[in-house]
Amino acid sequence: MEQIEAVTAKGEGTWGTQKYEVALKTKVRTYHDSLNQFSRKVLSYSFTFGAPSGSIPDSRSFPTEEKRRLFLSKSFTELSLKGIPEASQQWKRLTSPVQSIVGRKLTAVSFVVDYLQLEFSPYGFLIYNGPILSIDGKTIRFAEEGYRECLRAFVGKQVSGVDEYLDKGLVLEFLDGSSFSVPLKVGADFPSPEVAEFSGPNINGFIWQANEEPFD
């Protein structure tokens, strides 16, 4: 998955009693299948706002420009924005926070009732849809005989890559050639609103929602 983002407008507005600097942004995420034969783009629309004093800006993200516009109109007063001409917009490539685990080792696997906890200290995942394991040329699915022992055998392995594919979902690859994938496309009866969560230093609320684009 590739991500690029551009600032499309800048200005200022008042939220409550505080005046903020405001920037509108458009993000494009491009997803491919594992064989790179087809792709799908997902657009999202956000804005950031921060005090002129230089504090770390906060942000909100929306699936459509209209939803962002409605939120801004309800939340801000005296909002003044100046659009940036398309020819002057600078697109910046973004790196997913999940890339933080590349080069780290899986340090622990915990089976907790109806989800898995995977630790790549100081980062970690909560997984609500059982990963499909690929090791020594074999594929083992959740609930198959020997699954738990096979997943625990990944402890100590070093991550060589992580990506999101349209057909396989969230895939973690290891230096020895083994891998596991978390299917992100789930049925309407999936028992959790989330498929997976990722956390770590300075990372909060990084979640894969069930039936979220492009895995809807």
C-alpha atoms as a PDB file:
ATOM      1  CA  MET A   1       0.000   0.000   0.000  1.00  0.00           C
ATOM      2  CA  GLU A   2       1.282   3.446  -0.962  1.00  0.00           C
ATOM      3  CA  GLN A   3       0.176   6.744   0.574  1.00  0.00           C
ATOM      4  CA  ILE A   4       0.556  10.310  -0.648  1.00  0.00           C
ATOM      5  CA  GLU A   5      -0.882  13.499   0.823  1.00  0.00           C
ATOM      6  CA  ALA A   6      -1.126  17.156  -0.160  1.00  0.00           C
ATOM      7  CA  VAL A   7      -2.253  20.340   1.577  1.00  0.00           C
ATOM      8  CA  THR A   8      -5.071  21.861  -0.511  1.00  0.00           C
ATOM      9  CA  ALA A   9      -5.992  24.932   1.562  1.00  0.00           C
ATOM     10  CA  LYS A  10      -4.730  26.956   4.514  1.00  0.00           C
ATOM     11  CA  GLY A  11      -6.230  29.554   6.804  1.00  0.00           C
ATOM     12  CA  GLU A  12      -7.504  30.120  10.311  1.00  0.00           C
ATOM     13  CA  GLY A  13     -10.664  29.854  12.341  1.00  0.00           C
ATOM     14  CA  THR A  14     -12.080  29.925  15.861  1.00  0.00           C
ATOM     15  CA  TRP A  15     -13.180  26.776  17.688  1.00  0.00           C
ATOM     16  CA  GLY A  16     -14.806  27.656  21.000  1.00  0.00           C
ATOM     17  CA  THR A  17     -12.807  30.617  22.218  1.00  0.00           C
ATOM     18  CA  GLN A  18      -9.469  29.606  20.700  1.00  0.00           C
ATOM     19  CA  LYS A  19      -8.191  30.724  17.313  1.00  0.00           C
ATOM     20  CA  TYR A  20      -6.332  28.071  15.306  1.00  0.00           C
ATOM     21  CA  GLU A  21      -4.300  27.776  12.158  1.00  0.00           C
ATOM     22  CA  VAL A  22      -6.136  25.328   9.868  1.00  0.00           C
ATOM     23  CA  ALA A  23      -4.956  23.263   6.896  1.00  0.00           C
ATOM     24  CA  LEU A  24      -7.038  21.028   4.633  1.00  0.00           C
ATOM     25  CA  LYS A  25      -5.395  17.881   3.305  1.00  0.00           C
ATOM     26  CA  THR A  26      -6.241  15.178   0.775  1.00  0.00           C
ATOM     27  CA  LYS A  27      -4.740  11.698   1.129  1.00  0.00           C
ATOM     28  CA  VAL A  28      -4.620   9.003  -1.563  1.00  0.00           C
ATOM     29  CA  ARG A  29      -3.943   5.399  -0.570  1.00  0.00           C
ATOM     30  CA  THR A  30      -3.236   2.937  -3.389  1.00  0.00           C
ATOM     31  CA  TYR A  31      -3.644  -0.756  -2.617  1.00  0.00           C
ATOM     32  CA  HIS A  32      -2.416  -3.632  -4.804  1.00  0.00           C
ATOM     33  CA  ASP A  33      -2.988  -7.366  -4.755  1.00  0.00           C
ATOM     34  CA  SER A  34      -0.034  -9.575  -3.767  1.00  0.00           C
ATOM     35  CA  LEU A  35       0.767 -10.299  -7.440  1.00  0.00           C
ATOM     36  CA  ASN A  36       0.510  -6.602  -8.413  1.00  0.00           C
ATOM     37  CA  GLN A  37      -2.121  -7.374 -11.065  1.00  0.00           C
ATOM     38  CA  PHE A  38      -4.846  -4.962  -9.942  1.00  0.00           C
ATOM     39  CA  SER A  39      -5.144  -1.974  -7.644  1.00  0.00           C
ATOM     40  CA  ARG A  40      -7.655   0.263  -5.897  1.00  0.00           C
ATOM     41  CA  LYS A  41      -7.382   3.863  -4.696  1.00  0.00           C
ATOM     42  CA  VAL A  42      -8.995   5.200  -1.525  1.00  0.00           C
ATOM     43  CA  LEU A  43      -9.261   8.947  -0.913  1.00  0.00           C
ATOM     44  CA  SER A  44      -9.714  10.596   2.464  1.00  0.00           C
ATOM     45  CA  TYR A  45     -10.066  14.233   3.463  1.00  0.00           C
ATOM     46  CA  SER A  46      -8.665  15.666   6.661  1.00  0.00           C
ATOM     47  CA  PHE A  47      -7.860  18.923   8.345  1.00  0.00           C
ATOM     48  CA  THR A  48      -5.277  19.821  10.941  1.00  0.00           C
ATOM     49  CA  PHE A  49      -5.567  22.633  13.443  1.00  0.00           C
ATOM     50  CA  GLY A  50      -3.091  24.038  15.905  1.00  0.00           C
ATOM     51  CA  ALA A  51      -2.429  27.163  17.923  1.00  0.00           C
ATOM     52  CA  PRO A  52      -0.120  29.724  16.278  1.00  0.00           C
ATOM     53  CA  SER A  53       2.231  29.270  19.257  1.00  0.00           C
ATOM     54  CA  GLY A  54       3.611  26.143  17.582  1.00  0.00           C
ATOM     55  CA  SER A  55       1.878  23.414  19.589  1.00  0.00           C
ATOM     56  CA  ILE A  56       1.539  19.978  17.960  1.00  0.00           C
ATOM     57  CA  PRO A  57      -1.533  20.183  15.653  1.00  0.00           C
ATOM     58  CA  ASP A  58      -4.550  17.920  16.081  1.00  0.00           C
ATOM     59  CA  SER A  59      -6.393  16.419  13.126  1.00  0.00           C
ATOM     60  CA  ARG A  60      -9.675  14.895  11.951  1.00  0.00           C
ATOM     61  CA  SER A  61     -10.234  12.675   8.902  1.00  0.00           C
ATOM     62  CA  PHE A  62     -13.356  12.068   6.790  1.00  0.00           C
ATOM     63  CA  PRO A  63     -14.250   9.741   3.897  1.00  0.00           C
ATOM     64  CA  THR A  64     -15.725  12.577   1.780  1.00  0.00           C
ATOM     65  CA  GLU A  65     -15.144  16.280   1.276  1.00  0.00           C
ATOM     66  CA  GLU A  66     -18.789  16.974   2.099  1.00  0.00           C
ATOM     67  CA  LYS A  67     -18.555  15.364   5.546  1.00  0.00           C
ATOM     68  CA  ARG A  68     -15.435  17.396   6.258  1.00  0.00           C
ATOM     69  CA  ARG A  69     -17.160  20.579   5.105  1.00  0.00           C
ATOM     70  CA  LEU A  70     -20.162  19.942   7.362  1.00  0.00           C
ATOM     71  CA  PHE A  71     -17.925  19.247  10.370  1.00  0.00           C
ATOM     72  CA  LEU A  72     -15.932  22.423   9.785  1.00  0.00           C
ATOM     73  CA  SER A  73     -19.059  24.546   9.398  1.00  0.00           C
ATOM     74  CA  LYS A  74     -20.496  23.230  12.669  1.00  0.00           C
ATOM     75  CA  SER A  75     -17.261  23.399  14.674  1.00  0.00           C
ATOM     76  CA  PHE A  76     -15.569  26.633  13.568  1.00  0.00           C
ATOM     77  CA  THR A  77     -16.628  30.248  13.506  1.00  0.00           C
ATOM     78  CA  GLU A  78     -14.875  32.927  11.471  1.00  0.00           C
ATOM     79  CA  LEU A  79     -13.267  30.210   9.352  1.00  0.00           C
ATOM     80  CA  SER A  80     -11.244  31.687   6.517  1.00  0.00           C
ATOM     81  CA  LEU A  81      -9.441  29.349   4.095  1.00  0.00           C
ATOM     82  CA  LYS A  82      -7.454  30.047   0.953  1.00  0.00           C
ATOM     83  CA  GLY A  83      -7.234  27.230  -1.570  1.00  0.00           C
ATOM     84  CA  ILE A  84      -3.853  26.201  -2.971  1.00  0.00           C
ATOM     85  CA  PRO A  85      -3.915  25.946  -6.788  1.00  0.00           C
ATOM     86  CA  GLU A  86      -3.623  22.359  -7.990  1.00  0.00           C
ATOM     87  CA  ALA A  87      -0.401  23.151  -9.865  1.00  0.00           C
ATOM     88  CA  SER A  88       1.174  24.388  -6.621  1.00  0.00           C
ATOM     89  CA  GLN A  89       0.080  21.503  -4.397  1.00  0.00           C
ATOM     90  CA  GLN A  90       2.996  19.406  -3.202  1.00  0.00           C
ATOM     91  CA  TRP A  91       2.280  15.708  -2.819  1.00  0.00           C
ATOM     92  CA  LYS A  92       4.255  14.016  -0.054  1.00  0.00           C
ATOM     93  CA  ARG A  93       4.783  10.284   0.344  1.00  0.00           C
ATOM     94  CA  LEU A  94       3.715   8.981   3.764  1.00  0.00           C
ATOM     95  CA  THR A  95       5.032   6.015   5.741  1.00  0.00           C
ATOM     96  CA  SER A  96       2.583   3.858   7.685  1.00  0.00           C
ATOM     97  CA  PRO A  97       3.257   3.619  11.447  1.00  0.00           C
ATOM     98  CA  VAL A  98       3.199  -0.177  11.037  1.00  0.00           C
ATOM     99  CA  GLN A  99       6.554   0.056   9.264  1.00  0.00           C
ATOM    100  CA  SER A 100       8.014   0.682  12.749  1.00  0.00           C
ATOM    101  CA  ILE A 101       8.165  -3.085  13.339  1.00  0.00           C
ATOM    102  CA  VAL A 102      10.424  -3.821  10.336  1.00  0.00           C
ATOM    103  CA  GLY A 103      13.734  -5.075  11.717  1.00  0.00           C
ATOM    104  CA  ARG A 104      12.174  -6.001  15.072  1.00  0.00           C
ATOM    105  CA  LYS A 105      11.555  -9.492  16.405  1.00  0.00           C
ATOM    106  CA  LEU A 106       8.272 -10.991  17.497  1.00  0.00           C
ATOM    107  CA  THR A 107       8.808 -11.230  21.250  1.00  0.00           C
ATOM    108  CA  ALA A 108       5.543 -12.768  22.500  1.00  0.00           C
ATOM    109  CA  VAL A 109       2.262 -14.324  21.356  1.00  0.00           C
ATOM    110  CA  SER A 110      -0.756 -14.430  23.678  1.00  0.00           C
ATOM    111  CA  PHE A 111      -4.121 -16.105  23.037  1.00  0.00           C
ATOM    112  CA  VAL A 112      -6.696 -14.023  24.937  1.00  0.00           C
ATOM    113  CA  VAL A 113     -10.222 -15.474  24.724  1.00  0.00           C
ATOM    114  CA  ASP A 114     -11.363 -14.223  21.282  1.00  0.00           C
ATOM    115  CA  TYR A 115      -8.303 -12.325  20.066  1.00  0.00           C
ATOM    116  CA  LEU A 116      -4.528 -12.575  19.720  1.00  0.00           C
ATOM    117  CA  GLN A 117      -1.885 -10.286  21.158  1.00  0.00           C
ATOM    118  CA  LEU A 118       1.385 -10.025  19.251  1.00  0.00           C
ATOM    119  CA  GLU A 119       4.314  -8.109  20.712  1.00  0.00           C
ATOM    120  CA  PHE A 120       7.180  -6.528  18.806  1.00  0.00           C
ATOM    121  CA  SER A 121       8.450  -4.576  21.809  1.00  0.00           C
ATOM    122  CA  PRO A 122       7.724  -1.703  22.231  1.00  0.00           C
ATOM    123  CA  TYR A 123       5.014  -2.148  19.553  1.00  0.00           C
ATOM    124  CA  GLY A 124       2.101  -4.557  19.505  1.00  0.00           C
ATOM    125  CA  PHE A 125      -0.988  -5.809  17.709  1.00  0.00           C
ATOM    126  CA  LEU A 126      -4.396  -6.947  18.870  1.00  0.00           C
ATOM    127  CA  ILE A 127      -5.720  -9.317  16.182  1.00  0.00           C
ATOM    128  CA  TYR A 128      -9.428 -10.220  16.068  1.00  0.00           C
ATOM    129  CA  ASN A 129      -9.303 -12.322  12.882  1.00  0.00           C
ATOM    130  CA  GLY A 130      -6.944 -15.293  13.059  1.00  0.00           C
ATOM    131  CA  PRO A 131      -3.827 -14.895  10.879  1.00  0.00           C
ATOM    132  CA  ILE A 132      -3.109 -17.391   8.104  1.00  0.00           C
ATOM    133  CA  LEU A 133       0.359 -18.811   8.686  1.00  0.00           C
ATOM    134  CA  SER A 134       2.871 -19.701   5.989  1.00  0.00           C
ATOM    135  CA  ILE A 135       5.943 -21.593   7.204  1.00  0.00           C
ATOM    136  CA  ASP A 136       8.206 -24.234   5.651  1.00  0.00           C
ATOM    137  CA  GLY A 137       6.050 -24.356   2.532  1.00  0.00           C
ATOM    138  CA  LYS A 138       2.872 -25.112   4.506  1.00  0.00           C
ATOM    139  CA  THR A 139      -0.226 -22.982   5.076  1.00  0.00           C
ATOM    140  CA  ILE A 140      -2.026 -23.313   8.400  1.00  0.00           C
ATOM    141  CA  ARG A 141      -5.309 -21.579   9.184  1.00  0.00           C
ATOM    142  CA  PHE A 142      -6.824 -20.604  12.504  1.00  0.00           C
ATOM    143  CA  ALA A 143      -8.475 -23.520  14.376  1.00  0.00           C
ATOM    144  CA  GLU A 144      -6.528 -26.154  12.405  1.00  0.00           C
ATOM    145  CA  GLU A 145      -4.566 -28.721  14.368  1.00  0.00           C
ATOM    146  CA  GLY A 146      -1.200 -27.418  15.512  1.00  0.00           C
ATOM    147  CA  TYR A 147      -2.075 -23.765  14.831  1.00  0.00           C
ATOM    148  CA  ARG A 148      -1.115 -22.426  18.255  1.00  0.00           C
ATOM    149  CA  GLU A 149       2.216 -24.228  18.290  1.00  0.00           C
ATOM    150  CA  CYS A 150       2.970 -23.022  14.768  1.00  0.00           C
ATOM    151  CA  LEU A 151       2.190 -19.390  15.618  1.00  0.00           C
ATOM    152  CA  ARG A 152       4.337 -19.572  18.751  1.00  0.00           C
ATOM    153  CA  ALA A 153       7.182 -20.813  16.545  1.00  0.00           C
ATOM    154  CA  PHE A 154       7.282 -17.315  15.034  1.00  0.00           C
ATOM    155  CA  VAL A 155       8.524 -15.895  18.356  1.00  0.00           C
ATOM    156  CA  GLY A 156      12.103 -14.734  17.886  1.00  0.00           C
ATOM    157  CA  LYS A 157      11.740 -14.245  14.125  1.00  0.00           C
ATOM    158  CA  GLN A 158      12.746 -10.865  12.706  1.00  0.00           C
ATOM    159  CA  VAL A 159      10.318  -8.893  10.538  1.00  0.00           C
ATOM    160  CA  SER A 160      11.623  -8.165   7.037  1.00  0.00           C
ATOM    161  CA  GLY A 161       8.533  -6.446   5.637  1.00  0.00           C
ATOM    162  CA  VAL A 162       4.927  -5.481   6.278  1.00  0.00           C
ATOM    163  CA  ASP A 163       2.241  -4.433   3.806  1.00  0.00           C
ATOM    164  CA  GLU A 164      -1.491  -4.440   3.100  1.00  0.00           C
ATOM    165  CA  TYR A 165      -2.745  -6.360   0.054  1.00  0.00           C
ATOM    166  CA  LEU A 166      -6.222  -6.457  -1.439  1.00  0.00           C
ATOM    167  CA  ASP A 167      -6.265 -10.258  -1.572  1.00  0.00           C
ATOM    168  CA  LYS A 168      -4.292 -11.211   1.567  1.00  0.00           C
ATOM    169  CA  GLY A 169      -4.890  -8.321   3.940  1.00  0.00           C
ATOM    170  CA  LEU A 170      -2.229  -7.286   6.447  1.00  0.00           C
ATOM    171  CA  VAL A 171       0.909  -9.356   5.738  1.00  0.00           C
ATOM    172  CA  LEU A 172       3.980  -9.654   7.954  1.00  0.00           C
ATOM    173  CA  GLU A 173       7.049 -11.264   6.365  1.00  0.00           C
ATOM    174  CA  PHE A 174      10.073 -12.587   8.233  1.00  0.00           C
ATOM    175  CA  LEU A 175      13.726 -12.975   7.326  1.00  0.00           C
ATOM    176  CA  ASP A 176      13.526 -16.776   7.078  1.00  0.00           C
ATOM    177  CA  GLY A 177      10.846 -16.578   4.370  1.00  0.00           C
ATOM    178  CA  SER A 178       7.890 -17.390   6.628  1.00  0.00           C
ATOM    179  CA  SER A 179       4.919 -15.028   6.887  1.00  0.00           C
ATOM    180  CA  PHE A 180       1.451 -14.599   8.244  1.00  0.00           C
ATOM    181  CA  SER A 181      -1.479 -12.612   6.924  1.00  0.00           C
ATOM    182  CA  VAL A 182      -4.478 -11.148   8.714  1.00  0.00           C
ATOM    183  CA  PRO A 183      -7.530 -11.146   6.398  1.00  0.00           C
ATOM    184  CA  LEU A 184      -9.010  -7.633   6.487  1.00  0.00           C
ATOM    185  CA  LYS A 185     -12.073  -8.450   4.395  1.00  0.00           C
ATOM    186  CA  VAL A 186     -14.696 -10.004   6.704  1.00  0.00           C
ATOM    187  CA  GLY A 187     -18.351 -10.960   6.504  1.00  0.00           C
ATOM    188  CA  ALA A 188     -21.265  -8.882   7.765  1.00  0.00           C
ATOM    189  CA  ASP A 189     -21.557 -11.230  10.753  1.00  0.00           C
ATOM    190  CA  PHE A 190     -17.972 -10.626  11.912  1.00  0.00           C
ATOM    191  CA  PRO A 191     -18.300 -10.322  15.723  1.00  0.00           C
ATOM    192  CA  SER A 192     -16.038  -7.285  16.215  1.00  0.00           C
ATOM    193  CA  PRO A 193     -16.142  -3.729  14.837  1.00  0.00           C
ATOM    194  CA  GLU A 194     -12.352  -3.953  14.459  1.00  0.00           C
ATOM    195  CA  VAL A 195     -10.215  -6.515  12.643  1.00  0.00           C
ATOM    196  CA  ALA A 196      -6.892  -5.420  14.149  1.00  0.00           C
ATOM    197  CA  GLU A 197      -5.255  -2.676  16.223  1.00  0.00           C
ATOM    198  CA  PHE A 198      -1.673  -1.449  16.308  1.00  0.00           C
ATOM    199  CA  SER A 199      -0.082   0.481  19.160  1.00  0.00           C
ATOM    200  CA  GLY A 200       3.282   1.726  20.339  1.00  0.00           C
ATOM    201  CA  PRO A 201       5.198   4.867  21.303  1.00  0.00           C
ATOM    202  CA  ASN A 202       3.434   7.975  19.936  1.00  0.00           C
ATOM    203  CA  ILE A 203       0.857   5.759  18.182  1.00  0.00           C
ATOM    204  CA  ASN A 204      -2.742   5.903  19.351  1.00  0.00           C
ATOM    205  CA  GLY A 205      -5.871   4.456  17.797  1.00  0.00           C
ATOM    206  CA  PHE A 206      -4.347   2.900  14.651  1.00  0.00           C
ATOM    207  CA  ILE A 207      -7.215   0.540  13.806  1.00  0.00           C
ATOM    208  CA  TRP A 208      -8.398  -1.553  10.856  1.00  0.00           C
ATOM    209  CA  GLN A 209     -12.185  -1.334  10.973  1.00  0.00           C
ATOM    210  CA  ALA A 210     -14.343  -4.210   9.728  1.00  0.00           C
ATOM    211  CA  ASN A 211     -15.671  -3.622   6.200  1.00  0.00           C
ATOM    212  CA  GLU A 212     -13.597  -0.469   5.748  1.00  0.00           C
ATOM    213  CA  GLU A 213     -12.446   0.547   2.258  1.00  0.00           C
ATOM    214  CA  PRO A 214     -10.911  -1.073   0.302  1.00  0.00           C
ATOM    215  CA  PHE A 215     -11.757  -4.250   2.240  1.00  0.00           C
ATOM    216  CA  ASP A 216     -15.506  -3.664   2.100  1.00  0.00           C
END
